[in-house]
Protein backbone atom coordinates (compact mmCIF):
# COMPACT_ATOMS: atom_id res chain seq x y z
CA UNK A 1 -12.61 28.82 -0.43
CA UNK A 2 -9.20 30.11 0.52
CA UNK A 3 -6.73 27.25 0.34
CA UNK A 4 -4.24 26.92 3.19
CA UNK A 5 -2.23 24.23 4.94
CA UNK A 6 -4.43 21.75 6.84
CA UNK A 7 -3.45 21.75 10.51
CA UNK A 8 -6.52 20.57 12.39
CA UNK A 9 -9.11 17.83 12.10
CA UNK A 10 -11.77 20.51 11.51
CA UNK A 11 -9.80 21.96 8.59
CA UNK A 12 -9.28 18.44 7.27
CA UNK A 13 -13.05 17.78 7.32
CA UNK A 14 -13.74 21.12 5.64
CA UNK A 15 -11.21 20.31 2.90
CA UNK A 16 -12.82 16.89 2.35
CA UNK A 17 -16.27 18.50 2.13
CA UNK A 18 -15.03 21.09 -0.35
CA UNK A 19 -13.28 18.43 -2.39
CA UNK A 20 -16.54 16.49 -2.62
CA UNK A 21 -18.35 19.64 -3.83
CA UNK A 22 -15.95 20.28 -6.71
CA UNK A 23 -14.92 16.71 -7.46
CA UNK A 24 -16.49 16.61 -10.95
CA UNK A 25 -14.94 19.88 -12.14
CA UNK A 26 -13.93 20.24 -15.75
CA UNK A 27 -10.23 20.10 -16.62
CA UNK A 28 -8.40 23.43 -16.87
CA UNK A 29 -10.99 25.24 -14.74
CA UNK A 30 -10.34 27.18 -11.53
CA UNK A 31 -12.10 24.40 -9.62
CA UNK A 32 -9.81 21.81 -11.19
CA UNK A 33 -6.78 23.68 -9.88
CA UNK A 34 -8.40 24.00 -6.46
CA UNK A 35 -9.21 20.27 -6.51
CA UNK A 36 -5.60 19.37 -7.29
CA UNK A 37 -4.31 21.57 -4.46
CA UNK A 38 -6.85 20.18 -2.00
CA UNK A 39 -5.93 16.62 -2.94
CA UNK A 40 -2.26 17.41 -2.28
CA UNK A 41 -2.99 19.03 1.10
CA UNK A 42 -5.36 16.27 2.16
CA UNK A 43 -2.82 13.60 1.24
CA UNK A 44 -0.12 15.44 3.22
CA UNK A 45 -2.38 15.67 6.30
CA UNK A 46 -3.39 12.01 6.04
CA UNK A 47 0.22 10.85 5.68
CA UNK A 48 1.13 12.76 8.84
CA UNK A 49 -1.90 11.78 10.93
CA UNK A 50 -3.18 8.49 9.52
CA UNK A 51 -0.02 6.84 8.25
CA UNK A 52 -0.38 3.17 7.39
CA UNK A 53 2.70 1.08 7.95
CA UNK A 54 3.80 -1.69 5.60
CA UNK A 55 2.26 -5.07 6.36
CA UNK A 56 4.20 -7.97 7.82
CA UNK A 57 6.00 -9.77 4.94
CA UNK A 58 4.64 -13.22 5.79
CA UNK A 59 1.08 -11.93 6.18
CA UNK A 60 1.45 -10.12 2.84
CA UNK A 61 2.56 -13.36 1.18
CA UNK A 62 -0.34 -15.32 2.69
CA UNK A 63 -2.84 -12.61 1.71
CA UNK A 64 -1.60 -12.47 -1.88
CA UNK A 65 -1.56 -16.27 -2.14
CA UNK A 66 -5.18 -16.28 -1.00
CA UNK A 67 -6.09 -13.59 -3.53
CA UNK A 68 -4.50 -15.56 -6.36
CA UNK A 69 -5.76 -18.94 -5.17
CA UNK A 70 -2.18 -20.17 -4.75
CA UNK A 71 -1.25 -23.18 -2.65
CA UNK A 72 2.16 -23.86 -1.12
CA UNK A 73 3.07 -26.05 -4.09
CA UNK A 74 2.45 -23.08 -6.43
CA UNK A 75 4.84 -20.97 -4.41
CA UNK A 76 7.38 -23.79 -4.34
CA UNK A 77 7.79 -23.36 -8.08
CA UNK A 78 9.04 -19.85 -7.43
CA UNK A 79 11.16 -20.20 -4.32
CA UNK A 80 12.11 -23.84 -3.93
CA UNK A 81 10.84 -26.89 -2.16
CA UNK A 82 7.37 -27.12 -0.66
CA UNK A 83 8.96 -27.75 2.73
CA UNK A 84 10.94 -24.50 2.37
CA UNK A 85 7.72 -22.61 1.64
CA UNK A 86 6.18 -24.14 4.76
CA UNK A 87 9.18 -23.07 6.85
CA UNK A 88 8.90 -19.51 5.54
CA UNK A 89 5.15 -19.27 6.08
CA UNK A 90 5.60 -20.63 9.61
CA UNK A 91 8.41 -18.12 10.27
CA UNK A 92 11.05 -20.81 10.77
CA UNK A 93 13.18 -19.63 7.83
CA UNK A 94 14.02 -16.10 6.72
CA UNK A 95 13.54 -14.90 3.18
CA UNK A 96 16.70 -14.59 1.11
CA UNK A 97 17.30 -11.81 -1.39
CA UNK A 98 16.76 -14.30 -4.21
CA UNK A 99 13.43 -15.37 -2.67
CA UNK A 100 12.38 -11.73 -2.31
CA UNK A 101 13.07 -11.14 -5.99
CA UNK A 102 11.15 -14.25 -7.03
CA UNK A 103 8.20 -13.47 -4.74
CA UNK A 104 8.11 -9.94 -6.11
CA UNK A 105 7.97 -11.29 -9.66
CA UNK A 106 5.51 -14.10 -8.89
CA UNK A 107 3.13 -12.43 -6.44
CA UNK A 108 3.66 -8.77 -7.27
CA UNK A 109 4.40 -7.87 -3.64
CA UNK A 110 6.67 -4.81 -3.43
CA UNK A 111 10.21 -5.58 -2.32
CA UNK A 112 9.87 -2.85 0.34
CA UNK A 113 7.31 -5.07 2.04
CA UNK A 114 9.20 -8.35 1.60
CA UNK A 115 12.52 -7.11 3.03
CA UNK A 116 11.04 -5.98 6.35
CA UNK A 117 11.91 -7.78 9.57
CA UNK A 118 9.34 -10.22 10.91
């Protein structure tokens, strides 16, 4: 297959099909190089056509709390009073920089997500 920039949905599908064919290639083979180039081109096309925006900060916090089995009292240990956590989760209080840092450390949510407007 001749590798070229992916510009159409048809080319995208063809690249995905080819990638599936050579996916288990041995390292340092011609197919391995082709696979690496295809992965790069596919990622570029997907970023341009299927971009996924960052989630809402409050929804990200709630989702991560659910994943970890955290309750509001658990989060209060990181960012302050339980009532403050409630205000944040109900969008009545904005996150401070200090809270963003603590939530990043406690929940592992990227700061890029936590600093977004909501």
